[in-house]
Amino acid sequence: MKAIVLTKFGGPDSFELQEVPIPEVGAGELLVRVHATAINPLDYQIRRGDYPSYVRLPAIIGHDVSGVVEKVGPGVADFAVGDEVFYTPQIFGPKGGSYAQYNVVAEALVTRKPANLTHEEAASMTLVGGTAWEALVTRAKLQPAESVLIHGGAGGVGSIAIQLAKSMGATVYTTCRGRDTAFVRDLGADHAIDFTSQDYIEEIAAMTGRKGVNVVLDTIGGMTLTQSPHVLSDGGRVVSIVDLATPQNLVAAWGVNAEYHFVFTRQNRGKLLALRTLLESGRIRPIIGARFSLEQIPQAHAALERGEVDGQPFHGKVVISVA
């Protein structure tokens, strides 16, 4: 099979297109013909060498799959050859990632592709959708009529998190660049704050009568953890999906009895089943910003890191057509 193989840590030129054996299927596993995958910040972080202890080179990486079951292993009960499926492969797992024509995956991680989505659309949803679900539902336990501030609402996770929070009945505040305010409002954000020209702490105070929000979702990093207590209501929750690059002072969190949650998303079928229901009902929609082929994965990495394709900014996910 064709695969894009990471041969060294570094820039986008660290990948090579290679012919490699189709992986063997074990008990409780599926062999899936990959029709589409997508690029995530986690992918370029791995590529540049942020997690060298977890990735043994050469490696096939990639964390989104939409495809068709080609073969089932002994003990597989819920899937058959020909089923259309979508999932996130086990992160740092031994079976390899999605930058290839085939992927082997444990049955427990897989669910059927939403019937109303193309493979590209489905592949754009697995990791970002699962991350948004774990952040807002599993960790923050966001409730109807509560409020949430989503940092980076125009990004891959943020654009899905806005839609998920609205589907749960929450009031959504989000930070973004001024050029993206119409986009995030179209997704359902009630209030868009231009972080390049506005102080989001002052804006949240003014818009909530200084009551603050119940939940902050951090998809950006920086000093968000230190500043979040200043926009939280008493007993509020902060969920971060980014690495803590620098020490931060959380003393202000005591004053509002804040909860902090740090998420490195875990794969399971339950989150995807819930997302599939929302996707098939139209309450959440995929956002695709750019499309590339398998052979163009180096260019796709460069585009995501720049946030531009052919010099133009884009919203949503970078997807890869494989089949």
C-alpha atoms as a PDB file:
ATOM      1  CA  MET A   1       0.000   0.000   0.000  1.00  0.00           C
ATOM      2  CA  LYS A   2       1.013   3.632  -0.405  1.00  0.00           C
ATOM      3  CA  ALA A   3       1.811   5.491   2.804  1.00  0.00           C
ATOM      4  CA  ILE A   4       3.321   8.806   3.816  1.00  0.00           C
ATOM      5  CA  VAL A   5       6.082   7.850   6.241  1.00  0.00           C
ATOM      6  CA  LEU A   6       7.723  10.150   8.783  1.00  0.00           C
ATOM      7  CA  THR A   7      11.421   9.341   8.463  1.00  0.00           C
ATOM      8  CA  LYS A   8      12.869  12.065  10.721  1.00  0.00           C
ATOM      9  CA  PHE A   9      11.699  14.844  13.001  1.00  0.00           C
ATOM     10  CA  GLY A  10      11.652  18.276  11.422  1.00  0.00           C
ATOM     11  CA  GLY A  11       9.804  20.246   8.776  1.00  0.00           C
ATOM     12  CA  PRO A  12       7.218  19.135   6.219  1.00  0.00           C
ATOM     13  CA  ASP A  13      10.012  17.625   4.134  1.00  0.00           C
ATOM     14  CA  SER A  14      10.443  14.954   6.822  1.00  0.00           C
ATOM     15  CA  PHE A  15       7.846  12.771   5.069  1.00  0.00           C
ATOM     16  CA  GLU A  16       8.428  10.245   2.276  1.00  0.00           C
ATOM     17  CA  LEU A  17       5.883   8.526   0.031  1.00  0.00           C
ATOM     18  CA  GLN A  18       6.641   4.788   0.316  1.00  0.00           C
ATOM     19  CA  GLU A  19       5.213   1.393  -0.567  1.00  0.00           C
ATOM     20  CA  VAL A  20       4.760  -0.578   2.662  1.00  0.00           C
ATOM     21  CA  PRO A  21       3.008  -3.874   3.517  1.00  0.00           C
ATOM     22  CA  ILE A  22      -0.695  -3.848   4.326  1.00  0.00           C
ATOM     23  CA  PRO A  23      -0.904  -4.414   8.097  1.00  0.00           C
ATOM     24  CA  GLU A  24      -2.131  -7.731   9.466  1.00  0.00           C
ATOM     25  CA  VAL A  25      -5.492  -7.932  11.228  1.00  0.00           C
ATOM     26  CA  GLY A  26      -5.657  -9.470  14.690  1.00  0.00           C
ATOM     27  CA  ALA A  27      -8.467 -10.591  16.958  1.00  0.00           C
ATOM     28  CA  GLY A  28     -11.028  -7.860  17.595  1.00  0.00           C
ATOM     29  CA  GLU A  29      -9.608  -5.672  14.844  1.00  0.00           C
ATOM     30  CA  LEU A  30     -10.716  -4.260  11.498  1.00  0.00           C
ATOM     31  CA  LEU A  31      -8.716  -3.584   8.343  1.00  0.00           C
ATOM     32  CA  VAL A  32     -10.087  -0.348   6.902  1.00  0.00           C
ATOM     33  CA  ARG A  33      -9.464   1.026   3.421  1.00  0.00           C
ATOM     34  CA  VAL A  34      -8.871   4.704   4.153  1.00  0.00           C
ATOM     35  CA  HIS A  35     -10.839   7.012   1.864  1.00  0.00           C
ATOM     36  CA  ALA A  36     -10.004  10.252   3.679  1.00  0.00           C
ATOM     37  CA  THR A  37      -7.981  11.585   6.578  1.00  0.00           C
ATOM     38  CA  ALA A  38      -7.215  15.060   7.961  1.00  0.00           C
ATOM     39  CA  ILE A  39      -4.403  17.116   9.459  1.00  0.00           C
ATOM     40  CA  ASN A  40      -4.365  18.292  13.083  1.00  0.00           C
ATOM     41  CA  PRO A  41      -1.977  20.442  15.126  1.00  0.00           C
ATOM     42  CA  LEU A  42      -1.069  17.226  16.966  1.00  0.00           C
ATOM     43  CA  ASP A  43       0.223  15.854  13.660  1.00  0.00           C
ATOM     44  CA  TYR A  44       2.699  18.656  13.020  1.00  0.00           C
ATOM     45  CA  GLN A  45       3.715  18.663  16.683  1.00  0.00           C
ATOM     46  CA  ILE A  46       4.633  14.984  16.336  1.00  0.00           C
ATOM     47  CA  ARG A  47       6.378  15.652  13.021  1.00  0.00           C
ATOM     48  CA  ARG A  48       8.569  18.423  14.379  1.00  0.00           C
ATOM     49  CA  GLY A  49       9.623  16.255  17.351  1.00  0.00           C
ATOM     50  CA  ASP A  50       7.508  17.385  20.306  1.00  0.00           C
ATOM     51  CA  TYR A  51       6.849  13.781  21.425  1.00  0.00           C
ATOM     52  CA  PRO A  52      10.011  11.824  20.532  1.00  0.00           C
ATOM     53  CA  SER A  53       9.612   9.326  23.388  1.00  0.00           C
ATOM     54  CA  TYR A  54       6.207   8.230  22.059  1.00  0.00           C
ATOM     55  CA  VAL A  55       6.975   7.938  18.339  1.00  0.00           C
ATOM     56  CA  ARG A  56       9.432   5.385  17.004  1.00  0.00           C
ATOM     57  CA  LEU A  57      10.740   6.283  13.551  1.00  0.00           C
ATOM     58  CA  PRO A  58      10.041   5.523  10.796  1.00  0.00           C
ATOM     59  CA  ALA A  59       6.352   6.018  11.546  1.00  0.00           C
ATOM     60  CA  ILE A  60       2.993   6.410   9.843  1.00  0.00           C
ATOM     61  CA  ILE A  61       1.127   9.078  11.780  1.00  0.00           C
ATOM     62  CA  GLY A  62      -2.338  10.639  11.338  1.00  0.00           C
ATOM     63  CA  HIS A  63      -5.408  10.751  13.581  1.00  0.00           C
ATOM     64  CA  ASP A  64      -8.566  10.790  11.458  1.00  0.00           C
ATOM     65  CA  VAL A  65     -10.058   8.014   9.333  1.00  0.00           C
ATOM     66  CA  SER A  66     -13.149   7.682   7.215  1.00  0.00           C
ATOM     67  CA  GLY A  67     -13.234   4.583   5.078  1.00  0.00           C
ATOM     68  CA  VAL A  68     -14.655   1.152   4.328  1.00  0.00           C
ATOM     69  CA  VAL A  69     -14.095  -2.100   6.206  1.00  0.00           C
ATOM     70  CA  GLU A  70     -11.953  -4.387   4.048  1.00  0.00           C
ATOM     71  CA  LYS A  71     -11.480  -7.302   6.463  1.00  0.00           C
ATOM     72  CA  VAL A  72     -12.534  -8.276  10.000  1.00  0.00           C
ATOM     73  CA  GLY A  73     -10.491 -10.217  12.524  1.00  0.00           C
ATOM     74  CA  PRO A  74     -11.650 -13.045  14.790  1.00  0.00           C
ATOM     75  CA  GLY A  75     -14.180 -11.972  17.406  1.00  0.00           C
ATOM     76  CA  VAL A  76     -15.434  -8.862  15.603  1.00  0.00           C
ATOM     77  CA  ALA A  77     -19.178  -8.682  16.212  1.00  0.00           C
ATOM     78  CA  ASP A  78     -20.484  -5.279  15.143  1.00  0.00           C
ATOM     79  CA  PHE A  79     -18.962  -4.717  11.700  1.00  0.00           C
ATOM     80  CA  ALA A  80     -18.757  -6.515   8.374  1.00  0.00           C
ATOM     81  CA  VAL A  81     -16.835  -6.098   5.141  1.00  0.00           C
ATOM     82  CA  GLY A  82     -18.230  -3.127   3.208  1.00  0.00           C
ATOM     83  CA  ASP A  83     -19.355  -1.086   6.220  1.00  0.00           C
ATOM     84  CA  GLU A  84     -18.519   2.630   6.033  1.00  0.00           C
ATOM     85  CA  VAL A  85     -16.843   3.741   9.268  1.00  0.00           C
ATOM     86  CA  PHE A  86     -15.093   6.696  10.863  1.00  0.00           C
ATOM     87  CA  TYR A  87     -12.796   6.927  13.889  1.00  0.00           C
ATOM     88  CA  THR A  88      -9.589   8.236  15.432  1.00  0.00           C
ATOM     89  CA  PRO A  89      -6.796   5.631  15.505  1.00  0.00           C
ATOM     90  CA  GLN A  90      -5.179   5.064  18.887  1.00  0.00           C
ATOM     91  CA  ILE A  91      -2.880   8.008  19.486  1.00  0.00           C
ATOM     92  CA  PHE A  92       0.731   6.808  19.825  1.00  0.00           C
ATOM     93  CA  GLY A  93      -0.620   3.289  19.311  1.00  0.00           C
ATOM     94  CA  PRO A  94       1.318   0.388  17.803  1.00  0.00           C
ATOM     95  CA  LYS A  95      -0.904  -0.017  14.718  1.00  0.00           C
ATOM     96  CA  GLY A  96       0.082   3.196  12.962  1.00  0.00           C
ATOM     97  CA  GLY A  97      -1.915   6.177  11.818  1.00  0.00           C
ATOM     98  CA  SER A  98      -4.053   7.292   8.932  1.00  0.00           C
ATOM     99  CA  TYR A  99      -1.558   8.625   6.363  1.00  0.00           C
ATOM    100  CA  ALA A 100      -1.899   5.430   4.347  1.00  0.00           C
ATOM    101  CA  GLN A 101      -4.283   3.508   2.114  1.00  0.00           C
ATOM    102  CA  TYR A 102      -5.099   1.024   4.894  1.00  0.00           C
ATOM    103  CA  ASN A 103      -5.332   1.155   8.671  1.00  0.00           C
ATOM    104  CA  VAL A 104      -5.847  -1.548  11.305  1.00  0.00           C
ATOM    105  CA  VAL A 105      -7.952  -0.509  14.286  1.00  0.00           C
ATOM    106  CA  ALA A 106      -9.552  -2.049  17.371  1.00  0.00           C
ATOM    107  CA  GLU A 107     -13.284  -2.554  16.903  1.00  0.00           C
ATOM    108  CA  ALA A 108     -13.979  -0.666  20.153  1.00  0.00           C
ATOM    109  CA  LEU A 109     -12.758   2.631  18.619  1.00  0.00           C
ATOM    110  CA  VAL A 110     -14.952   2.529  15.513  1.00  0.00           C
ATOM    111  CA  THR A 111     -18.482   3.556  14.603  1.00  0.00           C
ATOM    112  CA  ARG A 112     -20.403   3.808  11.350  1.00  0.00           C
ATOM    113  CA  LYS A 113     -19.916   6.909   9.271  1.00  0.00           C
ATOM    114  CA  PRO A 114     -22.762   9.433   9.385  1.00  0.00           C
ATOM    115  CA  ALA A 115     -24.956   8.625   6.392  1.00  0.00           C
ATOM    116  CA  ASN A 116     -25.255  12.264   5.297  1.00  0.00           C
ATOM    117  CA  LEU A 117     -21.507  12.974   5.176  1.00  0.00           C
ATOM    118  CA  THR A 118     -18.890  12.335   2.538  1.00  0.00           C
ATOM    119  CA  HIS A 119     -15.717  10.547   3.602  1.00  0.00           C
ATOM    120  CA  GLU A 120     -13.834  13.849   3.608  1.00  0.00           C
ATOM    121  CA  GLU A 121     -16.466  15.457   5.831  1.00  0.00           C
ATOM    122  CA  ALA A 122     -16.494  12.489   8.208  1.00  0.00           C
ATOM    123  CA  ALA A 123     -12.689  12.396   8.444  1.00  0.00           C
ATOM    124  CA  SER A 124     -12.680  16.085   9.359  1.00  0.00           C
ATOM    125  CA  MET A 125     -14.776  15.367  12.452  1.00  0.00           C
ATOM    126  CA  THR A 126     -13.215  12.490  14.376  1.00  0.00           C
ATOM    127  CA  LEU A 127     -10.398  14.016  16.447  1.00  0.00           C
ATOM    128  CA  VAL A 128     -11.744  17.569  16.706  1.00  0.00           C
ATOM    129  CA  GLY A 129     -15.272  16.340  17.392  1.00  0.00           C
ATOM    130  CA  GLY A 130     -14.102  13.861  19.992  1.00  0.00           C
ATOM    131  CA  THR A 131     -11.950  16.532  21.636  1.00  0.00           C
ATOM    132  CA  ALA A 132     -14.788  19.072  21.780  1.00  0.00           C
ATOM    133  CA  TRP A 133     -17.126  16.426  23.213  1.00  0.00           C
ATOM    134  CA  GLU A 134     -14.665  15.341  25.903  1.00  0.00           C
ATOM    135  CA  ALA A 135     -13.893  18.946  26.828  1.00  0.00           C
ATOM    136  CA  LEU A 136     -17.453  20.279  27.063  1.00  0.00           C
ATOM    137  CA  VAL A 137     -19.522  17.206  27.920  1.00  0.00           C
ATOM    138  CA  THR A 138     -17.260  14.785  29.777  1.00  0.00           C
ATOM    139  CA  ARG A 139     -15.026  17.236  31.643  1.00  0.00           C
ATOM    140  CA  ALA A 140     -16.813  20.605  31.899  1.00  0.00           C
ATOM    141  CA  LYS A 141     -20.268  18.987  32.129  1.00  0.00           C
ATOM    142  CA  LEU A 142     -21.740  22.011  30.392  1.00  0.00           C
ATOM    143  CA  GLN A 143     -25.464  22.352  31.120  1.00  0.00           C
ATOM    144  CA  PRO A 144     -28.361  23.984  29.247  1.00  0.00           C
ATOM    145  CA  ALA A 145     -28.672  27.702  30.079  1.00  0.00           C
ATOM    146  CA  GLU A 146     -25.034  27.894  31.167  1.00  0.00           C
ATOM    147  CA  SER A 147     -22.469  30.062  29.381  1.00  0.00           C
ATOM    148  CA  VAL A 148     -19.099  29.214  27.851  1.00  0.00           C
ATOM    149  CA  LEU A 149     -16.159  31.221  26.525  1.00  0.00           C
ATOM    150  CA  ILE A 150     -14.416  29.346  23.697  1.00  0.00           C
ATOM    151  CA  HIS A 151     -10.966  30.664  22.883  1.00  0.00           C
ATOM    152  CA  GLY A 152     -10.121  30.288  19.201  1.00  0.00           C
ATOM    153  CA  GLY A 153     -13.630  29.786  17.876  1.00  0.00           C
ATOM    154  CA  ALA A 154     -12.528  29.901  14.230  1.00  0.00           C
ATOM    155  CA  GLY A 155     -10.101  26.984  14.634  1.00  0.00           C
ATOM    156  CA  GLY A 156     -10.631  23.272  14.055  1.00  0.00           C
ATOM    157  CA  VAL A 157     -11.756  22.364  17.585  1.00  0.00           C
ATOM    158  CA  GLY A 158     -13.251  25.767  18.305  1.00  0.00           C
ATOM    159  CA  SER A 159     -15.581  25.731  15.300  1.00  0.00           C
ATOM    160  CA  ILE A 160     -17.020  22.381  16.394  1.00  0.00           C
ATOM    161  CA  ALA A 161     -17.122  23.384  20.065  1.00  0.00           C
ATOM    162  CA  ILE A 162     -19.272  26.430  19.233  1.00  0.00           C
ATOM    163  CA  GLN A 163     -21.791  24.228  17.459  1.00  0.00           C
ATOM    164  CA  LEU A 164     -21.734  21.578  20.187  1.00  0.00           C
ATOM    165  CA  ALA A 165     -22.260  24.141  22.950  1.00  0.00           C
ATOM    166  CA  LYS A 166     -25.197  25.690  21.091  1.00  0.00           C
ATOM    167  CA  SER A 167     -26.734  22.257  20.541  1.00  0.00           C
ATOM    168  CA  MET A 168     -26.558  21.804  24.333  1.00  0.00           C
ATOM    169  CA  GLY A 169     -28.458  25.039  24.929  1.00  0.00           C
ATOM    170  CA  ALA A 170     -25.556  27.165  26.179  1.00  0.00           C
ATOM    171  CA  THR A 171     -24.823  30.829  25.574  1.00  0.00           C
ATOM    172  CA  VAL A 172     -21.578  30.995  23.605  1.00  0.00           C
ATOM    173  CA  TYR A 173     -18.911  33.673  23.771  1.00  0.00           C
ATOM    174  CA  THR A 174     -15.815  33.231  21.616  1.00  0.00           C
ATOM    175  CA  THR A 175     -12.558  34.975  20.839  1.00  0.00           C
ATOM    176  CA  CYS A 176     -11.330  35.279  17.265  1.00  0.00           C
ATOM    177  CA  ARG A 177      -9.752  37.696  14.824  1.00  0.00           C
ATOM    178  CA  GLY A 178     -11.943  40.486  13.523  1.00  0.00           C
ATOM    179  CA  ARG A 179     -12.028  38.939  10.041  1.00  0.00           C
ATOM    180  CA  ASP A 180     -13.578  35.779  11.553  1.00  0.00           C
ATOM    181  CA  THR A 181     -16.477  37.311  13.504  1.00  0.00           C
ATOM    182  CA  ALA A 182     -19.081  36.663  10.801  1.00  0.00           C
ATOM    183  CA  PHE A 183     -17.891  33.070  10.488  1.00  0.00           C
ATOM    184  CA  VAL A 184     -18.181  32.254  14.206  1.00  0.00           C
ATOM    185  CA  ARG A 185     -21.574  33.923  14.458  1.00  0.00           C
ATOM    186  CA  ASP A 186     -22.763  31.816  11.542  1.00  0.00           C
ATOM    187  CA  LEU A 187     -21.721  28.745  13.542  1.00  0.00           C
ATOM    188  CA  GLY A 188     -23.944  29.889  16.399  1.00  0.00           C
ATOM    189  CA  ALA A 189     -21.752  32.044  18.636  1.00  0.00           C
ATOM    190  CA  ASP A 190     -23.876  34.586  20.509  1.00  0.00           C
ATOM    191  CA  HIS A 191     -20.974  36.965  21.081  1.00  0.00           C
ATOM    192  CA  ALA A 192     -17.680  37.292  19.155  1.00  0.00           C
ATOM    193  CA  ILE A 193     -14.742  39.147  20.720  1.00  0.00           C
ATOM    194  CA  ASP A 194     -11.908  40.360  18.492  1.00  0.00           C
ATOM    195  CA  PHE A 195      -8.855  39.531  20.602  1.00  0.00           C
ATOM    196  CA  THR A 196      -6.642  41.743  18.398  1.00  0.00           C
ATOM    197  CA  SER A 197      -8.479  44.909  19.400  1.00  0.00           C
ATOM    198  CA  GLN A 198     -10.561  44.066  22.489  1.00  0.00           C
ATOM    199  CA  ASP A 199      -9.742  42.901  26.015  1.00  0.00           C
ATOM    200  CA  TYR A 200     -11.828  39.757  26.420  1.00  0.00           C
ATOM    201  CA  ILE A 201     -11.807  40.057  30.232  1.00  0.00           C
ATOM    202  CA  GLU A 202     -13.374  43.512  30.063  1.00  0.00           C
ATOM    203  CA  GLU A 203     -15.793  42.422  27.318  1.00  0.00           C
ATOM    204  CA  ILE A 204     -17.024  39.387  29.262  1.00  0.00           C
ATOM    205  CA  ALA A 205     -17.466  41.508  32.388  1.00  0.00           C
ATOM    206  CA  ALA A 206     -19.532  44.058  30.471  1.00  0.00           C
ATOM    207  CA  MET A 207     -21.663  41.487  28.616  1.00  0.00           C
ATOM    208  CA  THR A 208     -22.419  39.369  31.706  1.00  0.00           C
ATOM    209  CA  GLY A 209     -22.912  42.186  34.204  1.00  0.00           C
ATOM    210  CA  ARG A 210     -19.670  41.013  35.855  1.00  0.00           C
ATOM    211  CA  LYS A 211     -21.187  37.615  36.629  1.00  0.00           C
ATOM    212  CA  GLY A 212     -18.752  35.813  34.337  1.00  0.00           C
ATOM    213  CA  VAL A 213     -19.182  32.579  32.400  1.00  0.00           C
ATOM    214  CA  ASN A 214     -19.603  29.056  33.716  1.00  0.00           C
ATOM    215  CA  VAL A 215     -17.001  27.431  31.469  1.00  0.00           C
ATOM    216  CA  VAL A 216     -13.836  28.464  29.609  1.00  0.00           C
ATOM    217  CA  LEU A 217     -12.517  26.223  26.827  1.00  0.00           C
ATOM    218  CA  ASP A 218      -8.889  26.991  25.975  1.00  0.00           C
ATOM    219  CA  THR A 219      -7.747  25.881  22.515  1.00  0.00           C
ATOM    220  CA  ILE A 220      -4.987  28.509  22.238  1.00  0.00           C
ATOM    221  CA  GLY A 221      -2.687  28.441  25.271  1.00  0.00           C
ATOM    222  CA  GLY A 222      -0.544  31.386  26.309  1.00  0.00           C
ATOM    223  CA  MET A 223      -1.671  33.024  29.543  1.00  0.00           C
ATOM    224  CA  THR A 224      -5.242  31.754  29.296  1.00  0.00           C
ATOM    225  CA  LEU A 225      -5.052  29.633  32.455  1.00  0.00           C
ATOM    226  CA  THR A 226      -3.870  32.596  34.548  1.00  0.00           C
ATOM    227  CA  GLN A 227      -6.507  34.938  33.140  1.00  0.00           C
ATOM    228  CA  SER A 228      -9.485  32.554  33.083  1.00  0.00           C
ATOM    229  CA  PRO A 229     -10.531  33.111  36.729  1.00  0.00           C
ATOM    230  CA  HIS A 230     -11.161  36.757  35.862  1.00  0.00           C
ATOM    231  CA  VAL A 231     -13.984  35.753  33.500  1.00  0.00           C
ATOM    232  CA  LEU A 232     -15.415  32.854  35.535  1.00  0.00           C
ATOM    233  CA  SER A 233     -18.496  32.779  37.713  1.00  0.00           C
ATOM    234  CA  ASP A 234     -18.161  31.170  41.139  1.00  0.00           C
ATOM    235  CA  GLY A 235     -17.535  27.438  40.770  1.00  0.00           C
ATOM    236  CA  GLY A 236     -16.681  27.843  37.097  1.00  0.00           C
ATOM    237  CA  ARG A 237     -14.690  25.308  35.094  1.00  0.00           C
ATOM    238  CA  VAL A 238     -11.673  25.730  32.826  1.00  0.00           C
ATOM    239  CA  VAL A 239     -10.805  23.071  30.246  1.00  0.00           C
ATOM    240  CA  SER A 240      -7.532  23.268  28.321  1.00  0.00           C
ATOM    241  CA  ILE A 241      -6.580  21.100  25.348  1.00  0.00           C
ATOM    242  CA  VAL A 242      -3.122  22.640  24.854  1.00  0.00           C
ATOM    243  CA  ASP A 243       0.265  21.970  26.412  1.00  0.00           C
ATOM    244  CA  LEU A 244       1.257  24.140  29.368  1.00  0.00           C
ATOM    245  CA  ALA A 245       4.361  25.699  27.813  1.00  0.00           C
ATOM    246  CA  THR A 246       5.158  28.180  30.599  1.00  0.00           C
ATOM    247  CA  PRO A 247       4.428  28.271  34.357  1.00  0.00           C
ATOM    248  CA  GLN A 248       1.273  30.179  35.229  1.00  0.00           C
ATOM    249  CA  ASN A 249      -0.070  31.729  38.404  1.00  0.00           C
ATOM    250  CA  LEU A 250      -3.426  30.222  39.344  1.00  0.00           C
ATOM    251  CA  VAL A 251      -3.897  32.021  42.662  1.00  0.00           C
ATOM    252  CA  ALA A 252      -6.915  33.918  41.286  1.00  0.00           C
ATOM    253  CA  ALA A 253      -8.668  30.574  40.754  1.00  0.00           C
ATOM    254  CA  TRP A 254      -9.079  30.218  44.511  1.00  0.00           C
ATOM    255  CA  GLY A 255     -11.254  33.318  44.653  1.00  0.00           C
ATOM    256  CA  VAL A 256     -13.904  31.756  42.407  1.00  0.00           C
ATOM    257  CA  ASN A 257     -13.470  28.107  43.468  1.00  0.00           C
ATOM    258  CA  ALA A 258     -12.474  27.246  39.898  1.00  0.00           C
ATOM    259  CA  GLU A 259     -12.054  23.720  38.541  1.00  0.00           C
ATOM    260  CA  TYR A 260      -9.260  23.076  36.021  1.00  0.00           C
ATOM    261  CA  HIS A 261      -9.302  20.173  33.560  1.00  0.00           C
ATOM    262  CA  PHE A 262      -6.527  19.224  31.128  1.00  0.00           C
ATOM    263  CA  VAL A 263      -7.567  17.101  28.160  1.00  0.00           C
ATOM    264  CA  PHE A 264      -5.519  14.842  25.924  1.00  0.00           C
ATOM    265  CA  THR A 265      -8.455  13.269  24.165  1.00  0.00           C
ATOM    266  CA  ARG A 266      -9.141   9.561  24.572  1.00  0.00           C
ATOM    267  CA  GLN A 267     -10.599   7.485  21.783  1.00  0.00           C
ATOM    268  CA  ASN A 268     -13.827   5.562  22.243  1.00  0.00           C
ATOM    269  CA  ARG A 269     -16.937   4.677  20.300  1.00  0.00           C
ATOM    270  CA  GLY A 270     -19.343   6.434  22.660  1.00  0.00           C
ATOM    271  CA  LYS A 271     -18.266   9.962  21.730  1.00  0.00           C
ATOM    272  CA  LEU A 272     -18.484   9.187  18.021  1.00  0.00           C
ATOM    273  CA  LEU A 273     -21.966   7.686  18.382  1.00  0.00           C
ATOM    274  CA  ALA A 274     -23.158  10.882  20.071  1.00  0.00           C
ATOM    275  CA  LEU A 275     -21.483  13.042  17.427  1.00  0.00           C
ATOM    276  CA  ARG A 276     -22.974  10.950  14.634  1.00  0.00           C
ATOM    277  CA  THR A 277     -26.465  11.669  15.974  1.00  0.00           C
ATOM    278  CA  LEU A 278     -25.759  15.406  15.998  1.00  0.00           C
ATOM    279  CA  LEU A 279     -24.200  15.300  12.531  1.00  0.00           C
ATOM    280  CA  GLU A 280     -27.048  13.317  10.973  1.00  0.00           C
ATOM    281  CA  SER A 281     -29.595  15.681  12.509  1.00  0.00           C
ATOM    282  CA  GLY A 282     -27.741  18.714  11.128  1.00  0.00           C
ATOM    283  CA  ARG A 283     -27.136  20.245  14.556  1.00  0.00           C
ATOM    284  CA  ILE A 284     -23.381  20.130  13.871  1.00  0.00           C
ATOM    285  CA  ARG A 285     -21.776  20.462  10.453  1.00  0.00           C
ATOM    286  CA  PRO A 286     -18.212  19.825   9.300  1.00  0.00           C
ATOM    287  CA  ILE A 287     -16.050  22.776   8.301  1.00  0.00           C
ATOM    288  CA  ILE A 288     -13.497  22.010   5.572  1.00  0.00           C
ATOM    289  CA  GLY A 289     -11.029  24.737   4.721  1.00  0.00           C
ATOM    290  CA  ALA A 290      -8.621  23.007   2.331  1.00  0.00           C
ATOM    291  CA  ARG A 291      -8.230  19.741   0.439  1.00  0.00           C
ATOM    292  CA  PHE A 292      -5.076  17.842  -0.556  1.00  0.00           C
ATOM    293  CA  SER A 293      -4.151  14.383  -1.845  1.00  0.00           C
ATOM    294  CA  LEU A 294      -2.175  11.740   0.065  1.00  0.00           C
ATOM    295  CA  GLU A 295       0.956  12.661  -1.859  1.00  0.00           C
ATOM    296  CA  GLN A 296       0.490  16.310  -0.845  1.00  0.00           C
ATOM    297  CA  ILE A 297       0.580  15.746   2.920  1.00  0.00           C
ATOM    298  CA  PRO A 298       3.824  17.769   3.267  1.00  0.00           C
ATOM    299  CA  GLN A 299       2.085  20.736   1.632  1.00  0.00           C
ATOM    300  CA  ALA A 300      -0.980  20.154   3.825  1.00  0.00           C
ATOM    301  CA  HIS A 301       1.179  20.321   6.971  1.00  0.00           C
ATOM    302  CA  ALA A 302       2.733  23.569   5.782  1.00  0.00           C
ATOM    303  CA  ALA A 303      -0.706  25.028   5.049  1.00  0.00           C
ATOM    304  CA  LEU A 304      -2.072  24.187   8.503  1.00  0.00           C
ATOM    305  CA  GLU A 305       0.956  25.613  10.277  1.00  0.00           C
ATOM    306  CA  ARG A 306       0.703  28.852   8.265  1.00  0.00           C
ATOM    307  CA  GLY A 307      -3.075  28.998   8.463  1.00  0.00           C
ATOM    308  CA  GLU A 308      -3.082  29.805   4.764  1.00  0.00           C
ATOM    309  CA  VAL A 309      -3.532  28.107   1.404  1.00  0.00           C
ATOM    310  CA  ASP A 310      -2.056  29.972  -1.572  1.00  0.00           C
ATOM    311  CA  GLY A 311      -1.673  33.019   0.624  1.00  0.00           C
ATOM    312  CA  GLN A 312      -5.309  33.037   1.736  1.00  0.00           C
ATOM    313  CA  PRO A 313      -6.507  32.292   5.309  1.00  0.00           C
ATOM    314  CA  PHE A 314      -9.081  29.545   5.736  1.00  0.00           C
ATOM    315  CA  HIS A 315     -11.468  28.162   8.361  1.00  0.00           C
ATOM    316  CA  GLY A 316     -11.861  24.608   9.592  1.00  0.00           C
ATOM    317  CA  LYS A 317     -10.008  21.433   8.756  1.00  0.00           C
ATOM    318  CA  VAL A 318      -7.394  20.456   6.200  1.00  0.00           C
ATOM    319  CA  VAL A 319      -8.568  17.146   4.707  1.00  0.00           C
ATOM    320  CA  ILE A 320      -6.742  14.539   2.659  1.00  0.00           C
ATOM    321  CA  SER A 321      -8.351  12.407  -0.055  1.00  0.00           C
ATOM    322  CA  VAL A 322      -6.672   8.990   0.051  1.00  0.00           C
ATOM    323  CA  ALA A 323      -8.744   6.603  -2.086  1.00  0.00           C
END
